[in-house]
Amino acid sequence: MARPPDDQRPIVVGIDPDPAKRMALAWAADEAARRGVPLRLVHAEGVPTPGYEVPSWEEWNQALHEAGERVLKDAVAFAETRQPRVEVSGLLAEGSPAWVLGEQSHGATAVVLGSQHLGRLEEAFGSASIAVPVLAHTRCPVVVVPEPERIDRRSDYYVVGVDGSPQAAAAVDVAFAEAALRGAALRALHVWQPGPLRITDEQEAQREWSRILSEAVAGRGAAYRGVEVHQEVVVGHPVQALTEASADALGLVVGTRGHGGFTGMLVGSVSQGVLRHARCPVIAVPQPPERGPRERP
């Protein structure tokens, strides 16, 4: 099946049942309006907790379905009020949220999630978080929006993490596109973390990583002439450096594969720190699929 045109690929947003948590939905609605694409709201019906006594499976399923319909109806009304010109649809699906959103990522522009469950370490590593499993299986960028997001942000720039791996190219491409869409600047950032013995010459390392950064952004200028690019190599811990860089950023763009640094962080411990502490939306870009037998979209 052919992939739908870009203007028909919806932004998919996972709906939290708590009506007070609407930051991700608001961000997704605004993004759909900005891009001129449809918005698809997805709510996954849960399953009974083991040991929880219910009169019958039929009654339990009916109660879940009715509750899910109410959640979805309220969320659709919110999105339509916020962005009346956006085509909004709702989907009530059975299954785990991570699986449902992974399936919905096929043919989507992006999948948007809230990060309210990622504030505590035990939740970030537990079943309450769906961001990491969605990231592991998605076919499109995943945007994790902090709850609440800062609204007093004054700087107009995106940050993209670069580690020099071939997989980082996809994240750089998305970062340029996002910056161009909003008329924003772009900070291409690499964090160099020296070993405990500091055997490596720091000045030489700085020069080498500056060269790698220049190569990473080279060639995009012709396509995105309006994007002002700033390249930075900093020494420190990735979580701390990214958190500081995200303080006034419109978004932080990273990859989900790589050989360390930024493009590998969303599958490891650094990702947990970034998702807990980043002060702006985090846009995680999956590695482009390798060429091979054609998969069903």
C-alpha atoms as a PDB file:
ATOM      1  CA  MET A   1       0.000   0.000   0.000  1.00  0.00           C
ATOM      2  CA  ALA A   2       1.363   3.400  -0.966  1.00  0.00           C
ATOM      3  CA  ARG A   3       2.272   5.850   1.764  1.00  0.00           C
ATOM      4  CA  PRO A   4      -0.260   8.705   2.058  1.00  0.00           C
ATOM      5  CA  PRO A   5       0.767  12.195   0.890  1.00  0.00           C
ATOM      6  CA  ASP A   6       2.371  14.393   3.545  1.00  0.00           C
ATOM      7  CA  ASP A   7      -0.717  16.613   3.852  1.00  0.00           C
ATOM      8  CA  GLN A   8      -2.836  13.544   4.677  1.00  0.00           C
ATOM      9  CA  ARG A   9      -0.528  11.986   7.247  1.00  0.00           C
ATOM     10  CA  PRO A  10      -2.101  12.785  10.613  1.00  0.00           C
ATOM     11  CA  ILE A  11      -0.477  13.791  13.831  1.00  0.00           C
ATOM     12  CA  VAL A  12      -1.414  11.069  16.318  1.00  0.00           C
ATOM     13  CA  VAL A  13      -1.724  11.975  19.985  1.00  0.00           C
ATOM     14  CA  GLY A  14      -2.253   9.622  22.880  1.00  0.00           C
ATOM     15  CA  ILE A  15      -5.049  10.833  25.146  1.00  0.00           C
ATOM     16  CA  ASP A  16      -4.647  10.794  28.899  1.00  0.00           C
ATOM     17  CA  PRO A  17      -7.894  10.069  30.786  1.00  0.00           C
ATOM     18  CA  ASP A  18      -7.173  12.959  33.163  1.00  0.00           C
ATOM     19  CA  PRO A  19      -8.856  16.060  31.644  1.00  0.00           C
ATOM     20  CA  ALA A  20      -6.411  18.279  33.546  1.00  0.00           C
ATOM     21  CA  LYS A  21      -3.530  16.914  31.462  1.00  0.00           C
ATOM     22  CA  ARG A  22      -4.015  18.488  28.070  1.00  0.00           C
ATOM     23  CA  MET A  23      -0.577  19.924  27.266  1.00  0.00           C
ATOM     24  CA  ALA A  24       0.345  17.175  24.795  1.00  0.00           C
ATOM     25  CA  LEU A  25      -3.055  17.437  23.120  1.00  0.00           C
ATOM     26  CA  ALA A  26      -2.776  21.225  22.884  1.00  0.00           C
ATOM     27  CA  TRP A  27       0.721  20.924  21.388  1.00  0.00           C
ATOM     28  CA  ALA A  28      -0.477  18.333  18.871  1.00  0.00           C
ATOM     29  CA  ALA A  29      -3.491  20.427  17.839  1.00  0.00           C
ATOM     30  CA  ASP A  30      -1.319  23.500  17.304  1.00  0.00           C
ATOM     31  CA  GLU A  31       1.204  21.452  15.329  1.00  0.00           C
ATOM     32  CA  ALA A  32      -1.537  20.004  13.101  1.00  0.00           C
ATOM     33  CA  ALA A  33      -2.799  23.513  12.411  1.00  0.00           C
ATOM     34  CA  ARG A  34       0.709  24.739  11.624  1.00  0.00           C
ATOM     35  CA  ARG A  35       1.350  21.884   9.196  1.00  0.00           C
ATOM     36  CA  GLY A  36      -2.153  21.702   7.728  1.00  0.00           C
ATOM     37  CA  VAL A  37      -2.549  17.996   8.508  1.00  0.00           C
ATOM     38  CA  PRO A  38      -5.326  16.040  10.274  1.00  0.00           C
ATOM     39  CA  LEU A  39      -5.223  15.300  13.991  1.00  0.00           C
ATOM     40  CA  ARG A  40      -6.040  11.813  15.262  1.00  0.00           C
ATOM     41  CA  LEU A  41      -6.783  11.359  18.957  1.00  0.00           C
ATOM     42  CA  VAL A  42      -6.157   7.844  20.239  1.00  0.00           C
ATOM     43  CA  HIS A  43      -7.299   6.395  23.538  1.00  0.00           C
ATOM     44  CA  ALA A  44      -6.483   2.776  24.383  1.00  0.00           C
ATOM     45  CA  GLU A  45      -8.914   0.808  26.522  1.00  0.00           C
ATOM     46  CA  GLY A  46      -7.147  -0.871  29.400  1.00  0.00           C
ATOM     47  CA  VAL A  47      -7.441  -4.343  30.857  1.00  0.00           C
ATOM     48  CA  PRO A  48      -8.485  -5.384  34.383  1.00  0.00           C
ATOM     49  CA  THR A  49      -5.760  -5.397  36.993  1.00  0.00           C
ATOM     50  CA  PRO A  50      -4.877  -8.964  38.063  1.00  0.00           C
ATOM     51  CA  GLY A  51      -6.814  -9.862  41.191  1.00  0.00           C
ATOM     52  CA  TYR A  52      -9.380  -7.124  40.678  1.00  0.00           C
ATOM     53  CA  GLU A  53     -12.860  -8.586  41.078  1.00  0.00           C
ATOM     54  CA  VAL A  54     -15.490  -7.552  38.553  1.00  0.00           C
ATOM     55  CA  PRO A  55     -19.039  -8.885  38.127  1.00  0.00           C
ATOM     56  CA  SER A  56     -18.223 -10.235  34.671  1.00  0.00           C
ATOM     57  CA  TRP A  57     -15.888  -9.650  31.749  1.00  0.00           C
ATOM     58  CA  GLU A  58     -18.795  -8.348  29.716  1.00  0.00           C
ATOM     59  CA  GLU A  59     -19.684  -5.714  32.303  1.00  0.00           C
ATOM     60  CA  TRP A  60     -16.062  -4.754  32.735  1.00  0.00           C
ATOM     61  CA  ASN A  61     -15.534  -4.348  29.001  1.00  0.00           C
ATOM     62  CA  GLN A  62     -18.710  -2.311  28.697  1.00  0.00           C
ATOM     63  CA  ALA A  63     -17.623  -0.019  31.516  1.00  0.00           C
ATOM     64  CA  LEU A  64     -14.184   0.441  29.949  1.00  0.00           C
ATOM     65  CA  HIS A  65     -15.737   1.211  26.581  1.00  0.00           C
ATOM     66  CA  GLU A  66     -18.167   3.777  27.962  1.00  0.00           C
ATOM     67  CA  ALA A  67     -15.433   5.464  30.001  1.00  0.00           C
ATOM     68  CA  GLY A  68     -13.139   5.537  26.975  1.00  0.00           C
ATOM     69  CA  GLU A  69     -15.839   7.079  24.807  1.00  0.00           C
ATOM     70  CA  ARG A  70     -16.342   9.853  27.355  1.00  0.00           C
ATOM     71  CA  VAL A  71     -12.608  10.549  27.537  1.00  0.00           C
ATOM     72  CA  LEU A  72     -12.309  10.647  23.764  1.00  0.00           C
ATOM     73  CA  LYS A  73     -15.412  12.821  23.284  1.00  0.00           C
ATOM     74  CA  ASP A  74     -14.135  15.414  25.748  1.00  0.00           C
ATOM     75  CA  ALA A  75     -10.671  15.406  24.166  1.00  0.00           C
ATOM     76  CA  VAL A  76     -12.067  15.847  20.652  1.00  0.00           C
ATOM     77  CA  ALA A  77     -14.159  18.785  21.850  1.00  0.00           C
ATOM     78  CA  PHE A  78     -11.056  20.362  23.412  1.00  0.00           C
ATOM     79  CA  ALA A  79      -9.024  19.988  20.205  1.00  0.00           C
ATOM     80  CA  GLU A  80     -11.814  21.317  17.976  1.00  0.00           C
ATOM     81  CA  THR A  81     -12.241  24.353  20.202  1.00  0.00           C
ATOM     82  CA  ARG A  82      -8.525  25.067  20.262  1.00  0.00           C
ATOM     83  CA  GLN A  83      -8.015  24.647  16.508  1.00  0.00           C
ATOM     84  CA  PRO A  84     -11.385  24.863  14.697  1.00  0.00           C
ATOM     85  CA  ARG A  85      -9.816  24.541  11.238  1.00  0.00           C
ATOM     86  CA  VAL A  86      -8.081  21.254  11.941  1.00  0.00           C
ATOM     87  CA  GLU A  87      -9.724  18.004  10.880  1.00  0.00           C
ATOM     88  CA  VAL A  88     -10.029  16.087  14.170  1.00  0.00           C
ATOM     89  CA  SER A  89     -10.914  12.421  14.553  1.00  0.00           C
ATOM     90  CA  GLY A  90     -10.981  10.070  17.520  1.00  0.00           C
ATOM     91  CA  LEU A  91     -10.063   6.399  17.798  1.00  0.00           C
ATOM     92  CA  LEU A  92     -10.965   4.178  20.724  1.00  0.00           C
ATOM     93  CA  ALA A  93      -8.798   1.066  20.476  1.00  0.00           C
ATOM     94  CA  GLU A  94      -8.323  -2.111  22.468  1.00  0.00           C
ATOM     95  CA  GLY A  95      -4.862  -3.098  23.592  1.00  0.00           C
ATOM     96  CA  SER A  96      -1.920  -1.673  25.455  1.00  0.00           C
ATOM     97  CA  PRO A  97      -1.268   2.031  24.788  1.00  0.00           C
ATOM     98  CA  ALA A  98       2.269   1.351  23.552  1.00  0.00           C
ATOM     99  CA  TRP A  99       1.112  -1.260  21.027  1.00  0.00           C
ATOM    100  CA  VAL A 100      -1.846   0.811  19.839  1.00  0.00           C
ATOM    101  CA  LEU A 101       0.252   3.939  19.342  1.00  0.00           C
ATOM    102  CA  GLY A 102       2.974   1.931  17.645  1.00  0.00           C
ATOM    103  CA  GLU A 103       0.418   0.653  15.146  1.00  0.00           C
ATOM    104  CA  GLN A 104      -0.977   4.146  14.632  1.00  0.00           C
ATOM    105  CA  SER A 105       2.495   5.485  13.870  1.00  0.00           C
ATOM    106  CA  HIS A 106       2.383   3.776  10.467  1.00  0.00           C
ATOM    107  CA  GLY A 107       1.688   6.541   7.981  1.00  0.00           C
ATOM    108  CA  ALA A 108       1.615   9.273  10.650  1.00  0.00           C
ATOM    109  CA  THR A 109       3.510  12.548  10.668  1.00  0.00           C
ATOM    110  CA  ALA A 110       4.344  12.136  14.363  1.00  0.00           C
ATOM    111  CA  VAL A 111       3.112  10.503  17.561  1.00  0.00           C
ATOM    112  CA  VAL A 112       2.691  12.898  20.491  1.00  0.00           C
ATOM    113  CA  LEU A 113       2.796  11.817  24.136  1.00  0.00           C
ATOM    114  CA  GLY A 114       2.628  13.575  27.464  1.00  0.00           C
ATOM    115  CA  SER A 115       5.376  13.003  30.014  1.00  0.00           C
ATOM    116  CA  GLN A 116       3.463  13.298  33.269  1.00  0.00           C
ATOM    117  CA  HIS A 117       4.313   9.677  34.143  1.00  0.00           C
ATOM    118  CA  LEU A 118       8.035  10.249  33.744  1.00  0.00           C
ATOM    119  CA  GLY A 119       8.611  12.552  36.678  1.00  0.00           C
ATOM    120  CA  ARG A 120       9.813   9.899  39.138  1.00  0.00           C
ATOM    121  CA  LEU A 121      12.521   7.317  38.636  1.00  0.00           C
ATOM    122  CA  GLU A 122      10.362   4.361  39.595  1.00  0.00           C
ATOM    123  CA  GLU A 123       7.710   5.396  37.078  1.00  0.00           C
ATOM    124  CA  ALA A 124      10.205   6.067  34.300  1.00  0.00           C
ATOM    125  CA  PHE A 125      11.346   2.458  34.470  1.00  0.00           C
ATOM    126  CA  GLY A 126       7.934   0.962  35.229  1.00  0.00           C
ATOM    127  CA  SER A 127       4.836   0.041  33.272  1.00  0.00           C
ATOM    128  CA  ALA A 128       3.314   3.486  33.788  1.00  0.00           C
ATOM    129  CA  SER A 129       5.603   4.926  31.122  1.00  0.00           C
ATOM    130  CA  ILE A 130       4.684   4.228  27.520  1.00  0.00           C
ATOM    131  CA  ALA A 131       7.152   6.623  25.925  1.00  0.00           C
ATOM    132  CA  VAL A 132      10.110   4.231  25.781  1.00  0.00           C
ATOM    133  CA  PRO A 133       8.228   1.217  24.338  1.00  0.00           C
ATOM    134  CA  VAL A 134       6.552   3.475  21.772  1.00  0.00           C
ATOM    135  CA  LEU A 135       9.960   4.850  20.796  1.00  0.00           C
ATOM    136  CA  ALA A 136      11.242   1.320  20.317  1.00  0.00           C
ATOM    137  CA  HIS A 137       8.598   0.440  17.722  1.00  0.00           C
ATOM    138  CA  THR A 138       7.494   3.664  16.056  1.00  0.00           C
ATOM    139  CA  ARG A 139       7.800   4.372  12.341  1.00  0.00           C
ATOM    140  CA  CYS A 140       7.750   8.159  12.728  1.00  0.00           C
ATOM    141  CA  PRO A 141       9.093  10.823  15.103  1.00  0.00           C
ATOM    142  CA  VAL A 142       7.754  10.692  18.659  1.00  0.00           C
ATOM    143  CA  VAL A 143       7.238  13.962  20.518  1.00  0.00           C
ATOM    144  CA  VAL A 144       7.246  13.847  24.321  1.00  0.00           C
ATOM    145  CA  VAL A 145       5.679  17.024  25.696  1.00  0.00           C
ATOM    146  CA  PRO A 146       6.373  17.912  29.344  1.00  0.00           C
ATOM    147  CA  GLU A 147       3.375  18.520  31.561  1.00  0.00           C
ATOM    148  CA  PRO A 148       3.171  21.378  32.084  1.00  0.00           C
ATOM    149  CA  GLU A 149       5.243  22.928  29.313  1.00  0.00           C
ATOM    150  CA  ARG A 150       6.798  26.315  29.924  1.00  0.00           C
ATOM    151  CA  ILE A 151       4.840  29.092  28.253  1.00  0.00           C
ATOM    152  CA  ASP A 152       7.235  31.965  29.025  1.00  0.00           C
ATOM    153  CA  ARG A 153       9.894  30.763  26.597  1.00  0.00           C
ATOM    154  CA  ARG A 154      11.501  33.703  24.807  1.00  0.00           C
ATOM    155  CA  SER A 155      14.257  32.173  22.671  1.00  0.00           C
ATOM    156  CA  ASP A 156      13.327  30.925  19.205  1.00  0.00           C
ATOM    157  CA  TYR A 157      15.628  28.002  18.541  1.00  0.00           C
ATOM    158  CA  TYR A 158      15.750  24.228  18.404  1.00  0.00           C
ATOM    159  CA  VAL A 159      18.515  22.037  19.785  1.00  0.00           C
ATOM    160  CA  VAL A 160      19.678  18.901  17.981  1.00  0.00           C
ATOM    161  CA  GLY A 161      22.031  16.368  19.532  1.00  0.00           C
ATOM    162  CA  VAL A 162      24.798  15.146  17.225  1.00  0.00           C
ATOM    163  CA  ASP A 163      27.223  12.296  17.869  1.00  0.00           C
ATOM    164  CA  GLY A 164      28.728  11.799  14.428  1.00  0.00           C
ATOM    165  CA  SER A 165      26.999   8.510  13.642  1.00  0.00           C
ATOM    166  CA  PRO A 166      25.267   7.970  10.272  1.00  0.00           C
ATOM    167  CA  GLN A 167      21.968   7.513  12.111  1.00  0.00           C
ATOM    168  CA  ALA A 168      22.187  11.073  13.435  1.00  0.00           C
ATOM    169  CA  ALA A 169      21.456  12.399   9.956  1.00  0.00           C
ATOM    170  CA  ALA A 170      17.723  11.724  10.320  1.00  0.00           C
ATOM    171  CA  ALA A 171      17.575  13.745  13.538  1.00  0.00           C
ATOM    172  CA  VAL A 172      19.481  16.612  11.925  1.00  0.00           C
ATOM    173  CA  ASP A 173      17.082  16.601   8.967  1.00  0.00           C
ATOM    174  CA  VAL A 174      14.052  16.772  11.262  1.00  0.00           C
ATOM    175  CA  ALA A 175      15.648  19.524  13.338  1.00  0.00           C
ATOM    176  CA  PHE A 176      16.259  21.664  10.248  1.00  0.00           C
ATOM    177  CA  ALA A 177      12.691  21.100   9.053  1.00  0.00           C
ATOM    178  CA  GLU A 178      11.232  22.003  12.459  1.00  0.00           C
ATOM    179  CA  ALA A 179      13.332  25.146  12.717  1.00  0.00           C
ATOM    180  CA  ALA A 180      12.408  26.220   9.184  1.00  0.00           C
ATOM    181  CA  LEU A 181       8.704  25.637   9.861  1.00  0.00           C
ATOM    182  CA  ARG A 182       8.790  28.127  12.730  1.00  0.00           C
ATOM    183  CA  GLY A 183      11.412  30.546  11.430  1.00  0.00           C
ATOM    184  CA  ALA A 184      13.690  29.504  14.283  1.00  0.00           C
ATOM    185  CA  ALA A 185      17.436  29.069  14.661  1.00  0.00           C
ATOM    186  CA  LEU A 186      19.149  25.740  15.296  1.00  0.00           C
ATOM    187  CA  ARG A 187      21.787  24.769  17.871  1.00  0.00           C
ATOM    188  CA  ALA A 188      23.729  21.672  16.796  1.00  0.00           C
ATOM    189  CA  LEU A 189      25.215  20.330  20.012  1.00  0.00           C
ATOM    190  CA  HIS A 190      27.660  17.603  20.946  1.00  0.00           C
ATOM    191  CA  VAL A 191      28.537  16.791  24.543  1.00  0.00           C
ATOM    192  CA  TRP A 192      31.977  15.352  25.013  1.00  0.00           C
ATOM    193  CA  GLN A 193      32.396  13.405  28.240  1.00  0.00           C
ATOM    194  CA  PRO A 194      36.114  12.752  28.912  1.00  0.00           C
ATOM    195  CA  GLY A 195      37.187   9.532  30.557  1.00  0.00           C
ATOM    196  CA  PRO A 196      38.146   9.530  34.231  1.00  0.00           C
ATOM    197  CA  LEU A 197      41.886   9.639  33.414  1.00  0.00           C
ATOM    198  CA  ARG A 198      41.513  12.483  30.884  1.00  0.00           C
ATOM    199  CA  ILE A 199      44.190  10.977  28.642  1.00  0.00           C
ATOM    200  CA  THR A 200      42.682  12.559  25.506  1.00  0.00           C
ATOM    201  CA  ASP A 201      43.910  16.032  24.594  1.00  0.00           C
ATOM    202  CA  GLU A 202      40.878  18.249  25.174  1.00  0.00           C
ATOM    203  CA  GLN A 203      41.809  20.846  22.577  1.00  0.00           C
ATOM    204  CA  GLU A 204      42.340  18.185  19.945  1.00  0.00           C
ATOM    205  CA  ALA A 205      39.012  16.561  20.900  1.00  0.00           C
ATOM    206  CA  GLN A 206      37.254  19.911  20.611  1.00  0.00           C
ATOM    207  CA  ARG A 207      38.675  20.432  17.123  1.00  0.00           C
ATOM    208  CA  GLU A 208      37.690  16.927  16.028  1.00  0.00           C
ATOM    209  CA  TRP A 209      34.120  17.231  17.285  1.00  0.00           C
ATOM    210  CA  SER A 210      33.803  20.698  15.751  1.00  0.00           C
ATOM    211  CA  ARG A 211      34.765  19.144  12.415  1.00  0.00           C
ATOM    212  CA  ILE A 212      32.222  16.339  12.877  1.00  0.00           C
ATOM    213  CA  LEU A 213      29.505  18.855  13.737  1.00  0.00           C
ATOM    214  CA  SER A 214      30.286  20.875  10.625  1.00  0.00           C
ATOM    215  CA  GLU A 215      30.030  17.750   8.491  1.00  0.00           C
ATOM    216  CA  ALA A 216      26.741  16.781  10.159  1.00  0.00           C
ATOM    217  CA  VAL A 217      25.027  20.030   9.172  1.00  0.00           C
ATOM    218  CA  ALA A 218      26.755  20.436   5.829  1.00  0.00           C
ATOM    219  CA  GLY A 219      24.490  20.298   2.796  1.00  0.00           C
ATOM    220  CA  ARG A 220      21.336  21.346   4.638  1.00  0.00           C
ATOM    221  CA  GLY A 221      21.987  25.050   4.198  1.00  0.00           C
ATOM    222  CA  ALA A 222      20.913  25.029   0.559  1.00  0.00           C
ATOM    223  CA  ALA A 223      17.539  23.510   1.401  1.00  0.00           C
ATOM    224  CA  TYR A 224      17.030  25.589   4.562  1.00  0.00           C
ATOM    225  CA  ARG A 225      18.613  28.941   3.760  1.00  0.00           C
ATOM    226  CA  GLY A 226      16.539  30.742   6.379  1.00  0.00           C
ATOM    227  CA  VAL A 227      17.779  28.617   9.286  1.00  0.00           C
ATOM    228  CA  GLU A 228      20.608  30.160  11.276  1.00  0.00           C
ATOM    229  CA  VAL A 229      22.853  27.398  12.644  1.00  0.00           C
ATOM    230  CA  HIS A 230      25.064  27.519  15.729  1.00  0.00           C
ATOM    231  CA  GLN A 231      27.486  24.657  16.366  1.00  0.00           C
ATOM    232  CA  GLU A 232      28.647  23.903  19.898  1.00  0.00           C
ATOM    233  CA  VAL A 233      30.894  21.329  21.534  1.00  0.00           C
ATOM    234  CA  VAL A 234      30.594  21.247  25.316  1.00  0.00           C
ATOM    235  CA  VAL A 235      32.283  19.137  27.960  1.00  0.00           C
ATOM    236  CA  GLY A 236      30.118  17.533  30.614  1.00  0.00           C
ATOM    237  CA  HIS A 237      27.414  14.981  31.290  1.00  0.00           C
ATOM    238  CA  PRO A 238      24.826  14.539  28.489  1.00  0.00           C
ATOM    239  CA  VAL A 239      21.780  14.767  30.772  1.00  0.00           C
ATOM    240  CA  GLN A 240      22.934  17.965  32.427  1.00  0.00           C
ATOM    241  CA  ALA A 241      24.032  19.557  29.160  1.00  0.00           C
ATOM    242  CA  LEU A 242      20.784  18.685  27.398  1.00  0.00           C
ATOM    243  CA  THR A 243      18.690  19.885  30.295  1.00  0.00           C
ATOM    244  CA  GLU A 244      20.480  23.219  30.294  1.00  0.00           C
ATOM    245  CA  ALA A 245      20.174  23.500  26.502  1.00  0.00           C
ATOM    246  CA  SER A 246      16.438  22.766  26.659  1.00  0.00           C
ATOM    247  CA  ALA A 247      15.712  25.538  29.172  1.00  0.00           C
ATOM    248  CA  ASP A 248      14.529  28.060  26.572  1.00  0.00           C
ATOM    249  CA  ALA A 249      14.382  25.879  23.454  1.00  0.00           C
ATOM    250  CA  LEU A 250      11.316  25.294  21.305  1.00  0.00           C
ATOM    251  CA  GLY A 251      12.282  21.640  21.106  1.00  0.00           C
ATOM    252  CA  LEU A 252      15.102  19.152  21.578  1.00  0.00           C
ATOM    253  CA  VAL A 253      15.670  16.744  18.666  1.00  0.00           C
ATOM    254  CA  VAL A 254      17.501  13.431  19.098  1.00  0.00           C
ATOM    255  CA  GLY A 255      17.782  10.087  17.343  1.00  0.00           C
ATOM    256  CA  THR A 256      16.930   6.678  18.768  1.00  0.00           C
ATOM    257  CA  ARG A 257      19.919   4.692  17.514  1.00  0.00           C
ATOM    258  CA  GLY A 258      23.640   5.372  17.422  1.00  0.00           C
ATOM    259  CA  HIS A 259      26.983   4.685  19.053  1.00  0.00           C
ATOM    260  CA  GLY A 260      26.606   6.713  22.215  1.00  0.00           C
ATOM    261  CA  GLY A 261      26.206  10.431  22.729  1.00  0.00           C
ATOM    262  CA  PHE A 262      22.790  11.675  21.722  1.00  0.00           C
ATOM    263  CA  THR A 263      21.568   9.296  19.049  1.00  0.00           C
ATOM    264  CA  GLY A 264      21.675   6.317  21.369  1.00  0.00           C
ATOM    265  CA  MET A 265      20.311   7.948  24.457  1.00  0.00           C
ATOM    266  CA  LEU A 266      16.608   7.247  24.114  1.00  0.00           C
ATOM    267  CA  VAL A 267      17.142   3.547  24.699  1.00  0.00           C
ATOM    268  CA  GLY A 268      19.343   3.906  27.770  1.00  0.00           C
ATOM    269  CA  SER A 269      19.804   5.649  31.093  1.00  0.00           C
ATOM    270  CA  VAL A 270      20.487   9.055  29.549  1.00  0.00           C
ATOM    271  CA  SER A 271      17.058   8.977  27.938  1.00  0.00           C
ATOM    272  CA  GLN A 272      15.400   8.564  31.309  1.00  0.00           C
ATOM    273  CA  GLY A 273      17.213  11.614  32.638  1.00  0.00           C
ATOM    274  CA  VAL A 274      16.371  13.700  29.560  1.00  0.00           C
ATOM    275  CA  LEU A 275      12.696  12.769  29.641  1.00  0.00           C
ATOM    276  CA  ARG A 276      12.504  13.557  33.350  1.00  0.00           C
ATOM    277  CA  HIS A 277      14.329  16.862  33.218  1.00  0.00           C
ATOM    278  CA  ALA A 278      14.030  18.398  29.713  1.00  0.00           C
ATOM    279  CA  ARG A 279      12.092  21.655  29.844  1.00  0.00           C
ATOM    280  CA  CYS A 280      10.780  21.557  26.296  1.00  0.00           C
ATOM    281  CA  PRO A 281       9.243  18.970  23.956  1.00  0.00           C
ATOM    282  CA  VAL A 282      11.665  16.171  23.065  1.00  0.00           C
ATOM    283  CA  ILE A 283      11.416  15.002  19.447  1.00  0.00           C
ATOM    284  CA  ALA A 284      12.840  11.496  19.072  1.00  0.00           C
ATOM    285  CA  VAL A 285      13.553  10.484  15.481  1.00  0.00           C
ATOM    286  CA  PRO A 286      13.708   6.770  14.658  1.00  0.00           C
ATOM    287  CA  GLN A 287      16.470   5.303  12.570  1.00  0.00           C
ATOM    288  CA  PRO A 288      15.407   5.031   8.920  1.00  0.00           C
ATOM    289  CA  PRO A 289      14.661   1.391   8.066  1.00  0.00           C
ATOM    290  CA  GLU A 290      17.318  -0.492   6.184  1.00  0.00           C
ATOM    291  CA  ARG A 291      16.523  -1.371   2.631  1.00  0.00           C
ATOM    292  CA  GLY A 292      15.202  -4.901   2.265  1.00  0.00           C
ATOM    293  CA  PRO A 293      11.940  -6.762   1.644  1.00  0.00           C
ATOM    294  CA  ARG A 294       9.126  -4.274   1.526  1.00  0.00           C
ATOM    295  CA  GLU A 295       7.089  -4.157   4.732  1.00  0.00           C
ATOM    296  CA  ARG A 296       3.405  -3.610   4.936  1.00  0.00           C
ATOM    297  CA  PRO A 297       2.830   0.000   6.156  1.00  0.00           C
END
